[in-house]
Amino acid sequence: MGFIGEVIAKTINFLNLDIVIFTSDLLAIGDYLLKSVKGIVKRQALSYNNKNTRKVLAEVGEEAAAIGMLRCK
């Protein structure tokens, strides 16, 4: 999980994301993944970039990314 968290933290720092949505095979791990990644991101992402970034599990399957993008606008 560490590598995934590190990549997400770097992406949040670089792109200043509003939301990170976990989909596909990552959903099988569920809440364990989300808690682990949130901890790593909290330690490694810059606080002013990370404080407003939501990290959520997809609720609607493969269409989650497209729906999430629509909700952010």
C-alpha atoms as a PDB file:
ATOM      1  CA  MET A   1       0.000   0.000   0.000  1.00  0.00           C
ATOM      2  CA  GLY A   2       2.946   2.312   0.587  1.00  0.00           C
ATOM      3  CA  PHE A   3       3.737   2.738  -3.086  1.00  0.00           C
ATOM      4  CA  ILE A   4       0.138   3.594  -3.955  1.00  0.00           C
ATOM      5  CA  GLY A   5      -0.013   6.149  -1.135  1.00  0.00           C
ATOM      6  CA  GLU A   6       3.272   7.732  -2.202  1.00  0.00           C
ATOM      7  CA  VAL A   7       2.121   8.079  -5.807  1.00  0.00           C
ATOM      8  CA  ILE A   8      -1.193   9.595  -4.732  1.00  0.00           C
ATOM      9  CA  ALA A   9       0.573  12.040  -2.373  1.00  0.00           C
ATOM     10  CA  LYS A  10       2.917  13.159  -5.156  1.00  0.00           C
ATOM     11  CA  THR A  11      -0.011  13.518  -7.553  1.00  0.00           C
ATOM     12  CA  ILE A  12      -1.946  15.622  -5.018  1.00  0.00           C
ATOM     13  CA  ASN A  13       1.133  17.824  -4.551  1.00  0.00           C
ATOM     14  CA  PHE A  14       1.671  18.229  -8.290  1.00  0.00           C
ATOM     15  CA  LEU A  15      -1.946  18.643  -9.477  1.00  0.00           C
ATOM     16  CA  ASN A  16      -3.660  19.967  -6.315  1.00  0.00           C
ATOM     17  CA  LEU A  17      -6.560  17.506  -6.739  1.00  0.00           C
ATOM     18  CA  ASP A  18     -10.021  18.035  -5.254  1.00  0.00           C
ATOM     19  CA  ILE A  19     -10.902  14.347  -5.096  1.00  0.00           C
ATOM     20  CA  VAL A  20      -9.265  10.929  -5.465  1.00  0.00           C
ATOM     21  CA  ILE A  21     -11.634   8.091  -6.387  1.00  0.00           C
ATOM     22  CA  PHE A  22     -10.550   4.480  -5.964  1.00  0.00           C
ATOM     23  CA  THR A  23     -12.124   2.101  -8.488  1.00  0.00           C
ATOM     24  CA  SER A  24     -11.682  -1.293 -10.131  1.00  0.00           C
ATOM     25  CA  ASP A  25      -9.472  -3.909  -8.418  1.00  0.00           C
ATOM     26  CA  LEU A  26      -8.610  -1.547  -5.576  1.00  0.00           C
ATOM     27  CA  LEU A  27     -12.216  -1.758  -4.364  1.00  0.00           C
ATOM     28  CA  ALA A  28     -11.701  -5.385  -3.375  1.00  0.00           C
ATOM     29  CA  ILE A  29      -9.406  -4.226  -0.574  1.00  0.00           C
ATOM     30  CA  GLY A  30     -11.964  -1.633   0.514  1.00  0.00           C
ATOM     31  CA  ASP A  31     -11.664   0.336   3.755  1.00  0.00           C
ATOM     32  CA  TYR A  32      -8.271  -1.154   4.625  1.00  0.00           C
ATOM     33  CA  LEU A  33      -6.808   0.377   1.468  1.00  0.00           C
ATOM     34  CA  LEU A  34      -8.455   3.716   2.054  1.00  0.00           C
ATOM     35  CA  LYS A  35      -7.234   3.998   5.674  1.00  0.00           C
ATOM     36  CA  SER A  36      -3.700   2.975   4.747  1.00  0.00           C
ATOM     37  CA  VAL A  37      -3.498   5.339   1.781  1.00  0.00           C
ATOM     38  CA  LYS A  38      -4.993   8.226   3.765  1.00  0.00           C
ATOM     39  CA  GLY A  39      -2.309   7.780   6.429  1.00  0.00           C
ATOM     40  CA  ILE A  40       0.516   7.776   3.898  1.00  0.00           C
ATOM     41  CA  VAL A  41      -0.933  10.736   2.008  1.00  0.00           C
ATOM     42  CA  LYS A  42      -1.369  12.684   5.247  1.00  0.00           C
ATOM     43  CA  ARG A  43       2.318  12.182   6.057  1.00  0.00           C
ATOM     44  CA  GLN A  44       3.702  12.862   2.587  1.00  0.00           C
ATOM     45  CA  ALA A  45       1.409  15.338   0.813  1.00  0.00           C
ATOM     46  CA  LEU A  46       1.796  19.027   1.482  1.00  0.00           C
ATOM     47  CA  SER A  47      -0.823  20.009   4.047  1.00  0.00           C
ATOM     48  CA  TYR A  48      -2.229  22.951   2.078  1.00  0.00           C
ATOM     49  CA  ASN A  49      -2.774  20.664  -0.940  1.00  0.00           C
ATOM     50  CA  ASN A  50      -4.086  17.698   1.018  1.00  0.00           C
ATOM     51  CA  LYS A  51      -6.486  19.316   3.498  1.00  0.00           C
ATOM     52  CA  ASN A  52      -9.331  19.747   0.980  1.00  0.00           C
ATOM     53  CA  THR A  53      -8.687  16.637  -1.113  1.00  0.00           C
ATOM     54  CA  ARG A  54     -11.380  14.001  -0.617  1.00  0.00           C
ATOM     55  CA  LYS A  55     -10.363  10.352  -0.900  1.00  0.00           C
ATOM     56  CA  VAL A  56     -13.328   8.070  -1.525  1.00  0.00           C
ATOM     57  CA  LEU A  57     -14.192   4.576  -2.700  1.00  0.00           C
ATOM     58  CA  ALA A  58     -16.264   4.396  -5.877  1.00  0.00           C
ATOM     59  CA  GLU A  59     -19.915   3.592  -5.369  1.00  0.00           C
ATOM     60  CA  VAL A  60     -21.028   3.178  -8.963  1.00  0.00           C
ATOM     61  CA  GLY A  61     -18.488   0.819 -10.513  1.00  0.00           C
ATOM     62  CA  GLU A  62     -16.595   1.640 -13.680  1.00  0.00           C
ATOM     63  CA  GLU A  63     -18.490   4.889 -14.277  1.00  0.00           C
ATOM     64  CA  ALA A  64     -17.320   6.369 -10.969  1.00  0.00           C
ATOM     65  CA  ALA A  65     -14.470   8.420 -12.414  1.00  0.00           C
ATOM     66  CA  ALA A  66     -16.719  10.139 -14.944  1.00  0.00           C
ATOM     67  CA  ILE A  67     -19.406  10.818 -12.339  1.00  0.00           C
ATOM     68  CA  GLY A  68     -16.809  12.136  -9.887  1.00  0.00           C
ATOM     69  CA  MET A  69     -15.478  14.547 -12.489  1.00  0.00           C
ATOM     70  CA  LEU A  70     -18.990  15.841 -13.120  1.00  0.00           C
ATOM     71  CA  ARG A  71     -19.608  16.410  -9.403  1.00  0.00           C
ATOM     72  CA  CYS A  72     -16.440  18.495  -9.080  1.00  0.00           C
ATOM     73  CA  LYS A  73     -17.578  21.055 -11.637  1.00  0.00           C
END
